[in-house]
Amino acid sequence: MLQFSGLSGECNISHFITTRHGGVSLGNYASMNPGEYSGDDPESVRMNRQLLSDAIGISSERIFAPFQIHEAEIACIDTRFLSLTLARQKEELNGKDALVTAVPGICIAVSTADCVPVLVYAPDKKVVAAIHAGWRGTVKQIVAKTVEYMIARYGCDPSLMLAGIAPSICKESFEVGDEVAEAFRATGVDMNCIMERNARTGKAHIDLWEANRMQLLQSGLQPEQIEVSGICTYQHPDDFFSARRLGIKSGRILSGIMIKD
């Protein structure tokens, strides 16, 4: 598993980013696939999640990951949520692309295979967030909305927050159609900062890392508090899952964060 150096220096939290290694799944899911909604054999996923929970020192029932749909909805894992039945919890996690919690001992996570996972920690209020930002979620400002939620609900100071942008597809590998480029342009973002055209093909390439870093900066985070892994999932297929390379029926990496008990 991987970690960010900045977040690793915070004694009140723990976090992780899984790789393809150390699990039991086969084929395009080999081998550490903890993604429940990936189409993998459920027993293999259960065993992988147990291996993960053993590694991070909590029960698998205390790891929460939503069923993501590339929107900008946020779920809060609070005491009310934890009092619900498992069925109701699953309903509330359906269609969410970001989770926030201030409850110690609860791990929140997002699953990705090229989309951008973002982990955020607000040390002043001890609040954490896990965000799934594909291109649609990035256009819909999911990262900015999550930071806004942390400020509104918990009174977090964004200038004190730390964030990590985990392994995901890089600009060089993320070729898009003009309709995707136009969707970004319509948000008012400076396209010179996030888009380049391939000189040979004329195709647009979008920098999702920079687009989401800009949202964090505009939300009030300090540049030195934002860490970008710089690892492209598409370019490192031996270590990470890539839906663009393997297809949608493939494994997922899990990026998670929790406040320690």
Protein backbone atom coordinates (compact mmCIF):
# COMPACT_ATOMS: atom_id res chain seq x y z
CA MET A 1 0.00 0.00 0.00
CA LEU A 2 1.05 3.58 -0.64
CA GLN A 3 0.80 6.69 1.52
CA PHE A 4 1.27 10.44 1.17
CA SER A 5 4.19 11.93 3.07
CA GLY A 6 2.16 14.91 4.29
CA LEU A 7 -0.78 12.92 5.60
CA SER A 8 1.61 10.34 7.09
CA GLY A 9 3.02 13.06 9.32
CA GLU A 10 -0.34 13.57 11.02
CA CYS A 11 -0.53 11.48 14.20
CA ASN A 12 -4.34 11.57 14.49
CA ILE A 13 -5.12 9.85 11.19
CA SER A 14 -4.13 6.89 9.06
CA HIS A 15 -4.61 6.45 5.34
CA PHE A 16 -3.74 4.12 2.48
CA ILE A 17 -3.87 3.56 -1.26
CA THR A 18 -4.01 -0.05 -2.39
CA THR A 19 -2.15 -1.48 -5.38
CA ARG A 20 -2.81 -4.60 -7.45
CA HIS A 21 -0.55 -6.68 -5.22
CA GLY A 22 -1.28 -8.97 -2.27
CA GLY A 23 -4.80 -10.23 -2.95
CA VAL A 24 -6.58 -13.34 -4.22
CA SER A 25 -8.53 -12.18 -7.30
CA LEU A 26 -7.75 -13.48 -10.79
CA GLY A 27 -7.54 -12.18 -14.36
CA ASN A 28 -8.28 -8.49 -14.82
CA TYR A 29 -9.01 -8.37 -11.08
CA ALA A 30 -5.63 -9.80 -10.03
CA SER A 31 -4.94 -9.68 -7.35
CA MET A 32 -5.85 -7.12 -4.67
CA ASN A 33 -9.29 -5.98 -5.79
CA PRO A 34 -11.36 -4.65 -2.85
CA GLY A 35 -13.95 -3.07 -5.17
CA GLU A 36 -17.40 -4.40 -4.34
CA TYR A 37 -19.04 -3.03 -7.48
CA SER A 38 -16.46 -4.15 -10.04
CA GLY A 39 -18.01 -7.43 -11.20
CA ASP A 40 -15.40 -9.58 -9.45
CA ASP A 41 -16.22 -12.82 -7.61
CA PRO A 42 -17.86 -11.65 -4.33
CA GLU A 43 -15.92 -14.14 -2.22
CA SER A 44 -12.62 -12.93 -3.66
CA VAL A 45 -13.61 -9.34 -2.91
CA ARG A 46 -14.60 -10.32 0.64
CA MET A 47 -11.24 -12.00 1.18
CA ASN A 48 -9.38 -9.00 -0.25
CA ARG A 49 -11.27 -6.63 2.03
CA GLN A 50 -10.44 -8.86 4.98
CA LEU A 51 -6.76 -8.73 4.05
CA LEU A 52 -7.05 -4.95 3.83
CA SER A 53 -8.83 -4.62 7.17
CA ASP A 54 -6.18 -6.82 8.82
CA ALA A 55 -3.47 -4.58 7.38
CA ILE A 56 -5.01 -1.34 8.66
CA GLY A 57 -6.14 -2.79 11.98
CA ILE A 58 -9.93 -2.41 11.89
CA SER A 59 -12.83 -4.72 11.10
CA SER A 60 -14.00 -4.81 7.49
CA GLU A 61 -17.44 -3.68 8.68
CA ARG A 62 -15.89 -0.33 9.61
CA ILE A 63 -14.67 0.39 6.08
CA PHE A 64 -17.27 2.35 4.11
CA ALA A 65 -17.09 2.93 0.36
CA PRO A 66 -20.00 4.26 -1.74
CA PHE A 67 -21.54 3.07 -4.98
CA GLN A 68 -20.18 5.89 -7.14
CA ILE A 69 -22.03 7.30 -10.15
CA HIS A 70 -19.82 10.22 -11.32
CA GLU A 71 -22.01 12.87 -9.69
CA ALA A 72 -21.27 15.35 -6.90
CA GLU A 73 -23.30 14.00 -3.98
CA ILE A 74 -21.71 13.68 -0.53
CA ALA A 75 -22.56 11.34 2.36
CA CYS A 76 -21.62 11.99 5.97
CA ILE A 77 -20.70 8.95 8.06
CA ASP A 78 -21.89 10.21 11.43
CA THR A 79 -23.51 8.64 14.50
CA ARG A 80 -26.93 8.79 12.84
CA PHE A 81 -25.64 6.90 9.82
CA LEU A 82 -23.91 4.31 12.00
CA SER A 83 -27.17 3.66 13.88
CA LEU A 84 -28.94 2.59 10.68
CA THR A 85 -29.40 -0.99 9.54
CA LEU A 86 -26.87 -2.32 7.03
CA ALA A 87 -29.53 -2.17 4.32
CA ARG A 88 -30.29 1.49 5.04
CA GLN A 89 -26.59 2.32 5.18
CA LYS A 90 -26.12 0.78 1.75
CA GLU A 91 -29.05 2.82 0.41
CA GLU A 92 -27.52 6.04 1.71
CA LEU A 93 -24.15 5.20 0.14
CA ASN A 94 -25.75 4.56 -3.23
CA GLY A 95 -25.05 7.33 -5.72
CA LYS A 96 -22.49 9.15 -3.59
CA ASP A 97 -19.05 10.17 -4.82
CA ALA A 98 -17.58 11.59 -1.63
CA LEU A 99 -17.66 10.60 2.03
CA VAL A 100 -16.93 12.75 5.07
CA THR A 101 -16.58 11.71 8.71
CA ALA A 102 -15.48 12.99 12.10
CA VAL A 103 -16.05 9.64 13.82
CA PRO A 104 -12.84 7.97 15.04
CA GLY A 105 -12.17 4.40 14.00
CA ILE A 106 -14.26 4.64 10.82
CA CYS A 107 -12.46 4.28 7.50
CA ILE A 108 -13.99 6.05 4.51
CA ALA A 109 -12.77 5.17 1.04
CA VAL A 110 -13.40 5.52 -2.68
CA SER A 111 -12.67 3.01 -5.43
CA THR A 112 -11.03 4.02 -8.69
CA ALA A 113 -9.35 2.67 -11.82
CA ASP A 114 -8.14 5.85 -13.60
CA CYS A 115 -10.49 8.37 -11.95
CA VAL A 116 -8.90 10.65 -9.37
CA PRO A 117 -9.10 9.76 -5.67
CA VAL A 118 -8.61 12.71 -3.33
CA LEU A 119 -8.08 12.39 0.43
CA VAL A 120 -8.52 15.44 2.67
CA TYR A 121 -7.83 16.02 6.37
CA ALA A 122 -8.89 19.02 8.45
CA PRO A 123 -6.66 18.89 11.55
CA ASP A 124 -8.39 21.73 13.39
CA LYS A 125 -11.68 19.82 13.64
CA LYS A 126 -10.37 16.29 13.02
CA VAL A 127 -12.52 15.68 9.96
CA VAL A 128 -11.57 13.57 6.95
CA ALA A 129 -12.93 13.14 3.42
CA ALA A 130 -12.50 10.64 0.61
CA ILE A 131 -13.50 11.88 -2.85
CA HIS A 132 -13.96 10.17 -6.23
CA ALA A 133 -13.35 12.66 -9.03
CA GLY A 134 -13.67 11.30 -12.54
CA TRP A 135 -13.90 13.82 -15.36
CA ARG A 136 -17.64 14.25 -14.82
CA GLY A 137 -17.22 14.72 -11.09
CA THR A 138 -14.39 17.15 -11.70
CA VAL A 139 -16.60 19.19 -14.04
CA LYS A 140 -19.31 19.11 -11.34
CA GLN A 141 -16.81 20.44 -8.77
CA ILE A 142 -17.02 17.43 -6.44
CA VAL A 143 -13.74 18.31 -4.71
CA ALA A 144 -14.69 21.95 -4.11
CA LYS A 145 -18.16 20.92 -2.92
CA THR A 146 -16.70 18.46 -0.44
CA VAL A 147 -14.38 21.08 1.05
CA GLU A 148 -17.36 23.46 1.24
CA TYR A 149 -19.32 20.75 3.05
CA MET A 150 -16.53 20.29 5.61
CA ILE A 151 -16.46 24.03 6.22
CA ALA A 152 -20.25 24.39 6.49
CA ARG A 153 -20.93 21.35 8.66
CA TYR A 154 -17.88 21.26 10.91
CA GLY A 155 -16.39 24.75 10.70
CA CYS A 156 -13.11 23.49 9.27
CA ASP A 157 -10.48 26.03 8.25
CA PRO A 158 -9.47 25.20 4.65
CA SER A 159 -6.11 26.94 5.04
CA LEU A 160 -5.15 24.23 7.54
CA MET A 161 -6.36 21.27 5.47
CA LEU A 162 -4.04 18.71 3.94
CA ALA A 163 -4.91 16.86 0.73
CA GLY A 164 -3.51 14.08 -1.39
CA ILE A 165 -4.29 13.35 -5.03
CA ALA A 166 -3.74 9.61 -5.41
CA PRO A 167 -2.66 7.50 -8.43
CA SER A 168 -4.96 8.02 -11.40
CA ILE A 169 -4.74 8.71 -15.11
CA CYS A 170 -2.31 11.43 -16.20
CA LYS A 171 -2.74 14.10 -18.85
CA GLU A 172 -0.52 12.27 -21.35
CA SER A 173 -2.77 9.20 -21.20
CA PHE A 174 -6.14 10.92 -20.85
CA GLU A 175 -7.16 11.65 -24.43
CA VAL A 176 -10.71 13.00 -24.66
CA GLY A 177 -13.22 14.06 -27.28
CA ASP A 178 -14.02 17.70 -27.91
CA GLU A 179 -17.31 17.32 -26.03
CA VAL A 180 -15.38 16.56 -22.83
CA ALA A 181 -13.04 19.49 -23.41
CA GLU A 182 -16.07 21.75 -23.93
CA ALA A 183 -17.64 20.50 -20.69
CA PHE A 184 -14.53 21.69 -18.84
CA ARG A 185 -14.44 24.97 -20.76
CA ALA A 186 -18.06 25.65 -19.74
CA THR A 187 -17.05 25.65 -16.06
CA GLY A 188 -14.87 28.72 -16.61
CA VAL A 189 -11.62 26.94 -15.76
CA ASP A 190 -8.44 28.24 -17.40
CA MET A 191 -8.05 25.67 -20.17
CA ASN A 192 -4.41 26.64 -20.66
CA CYS A 193 -3.75 25.13 -17.24
CA ILE A 194 -5.50 21.81 -17.75
CA MET A 195 -5.61 20.99 -21.48
CA GLU A 196 -3.13 20.35 -24.27
CA ARG A 197 -3.67 19.11 -27.79
CA ASN A 198 -1.52 16.32 -29.14
CA ALA A 199 0.51 17.85 -31.96
CA ARG A 200 0.28 14.68 -34.04
CA THR A 201 -3.37 13.65 -33.52
CA GLY A 202 -4.95 16.99 -32.67
CA LYS A 203 -6.79 15.28 -29.81
CA ALA A 204 -7.37 17.05 -26.50
CA HIS A 205 -5.70 15.77 -23.33
CA ILE A 206 -7.07 16.84 -19.94
CA ASP A 207 -4.98 17.13 -16.76
CA LEU A 208 -7.35 15.86 -14.05
CA TRP A 209 -4.64 16.17 -11.41
CA GLU A 210 -4.24 19.90 -12.04
CA ALA A 211 -7.98 20.47 -12.43
CA ASN A 212 -8.62 19.02 -8.98
CA ARG A 213 -5.57 20.70 -7.45
CA MET A 214 -6.97 24.02 -8.71
CA GLN A 215 -10.30 23.28 -7.01
CA LEU A 216 -8.48 22.66 -3.73
CA LEU A 217 -6.54 25.92 -4.08
CA GLN A 218 -9.67 27.88 -4.95
CA SER A 219 -11.35 26.36 -1.88
CA GLY A 220 -8.67 27.84 0.36
CA LEU A 221 -6.06 25.11 0.74
CA GLN A 222 -2.41 26.15 0.70
CA PRO A 223 -0.32 24.89 -2.24
CA GLU A 224 2.28 23.30 0.03
CA GLN A 225 -0.49 21.31 1.75
CA ILE A 226 -1.55 19.55 -1.47
CA GLU A 227 0.40 16.46 -2.49
CA VAL A 228 0.06 14.94 -5.96
CA SER A 229 1.28 11.35 -6.23
CA GLY A 230 2.29 11.81 -9.87
CA ILE A 231 1.62 8.13 -10.58
CA CYS A 232 -0.41 7.32 -13.70
CA THR A 233 -2.58 4.22 -13.39
CA TYR A 234 -2.72 3.76 -17.17
CA GLN A 235 1.06 3.84 -17.50
CA HIS A 236 1.67 1.42 -14.61
CA PRO A 237 -0.61 -1.57 -15.32
CA ASP A 238 1.51 -3.97 -13.27
CA ASP A 239 0.84 -2.01 -10.10
CA PHE A 240 -2.56 -0.36 -10.62
CA PHE A 241 -5.88 -1.09 -12.25
CA SER A 242 -6.83 0.99 -15.28
CA ALA A 243 -10.33 0.78 -16.74
CA ARG A 244 -9.12 2.51 -19.90
CA ARG A 245 -6.53 -0.23 -20.39
CA LEU A 246 -8.37 -3.29 -18.98
CA GLY A 247 -12.00 -2.37 -19.56
CA ILE A 248 -14.72 -1.70 -17.00
CA LYS A 249 -14.78 -5.35 -15.88
CA SER A 250 -11.55 -5.07 -13.94
CA GLY A 251 -10.28 -4.34 -10.46
CA ARG A 252 -10.24 -1.12 -8.46
CA ILE A 253 -7.78 0.51 -6.14
CA LEU A 254 -9.14 1.73 -2.83
CA SER A 255 -8.01 5.02 -1.29
CA GLY A 256 -9.05 5.38 2.33
CA ILE A 257 -8.58 7.59 5.36
CA MET A 258 -9.67 7.46 9.00
CA ILE A 259 -9.33 9.27 12.29
CA LYS A 260 -7.60 7.10 14.85
CA ASP A 261 -9.45 6.01 17.99
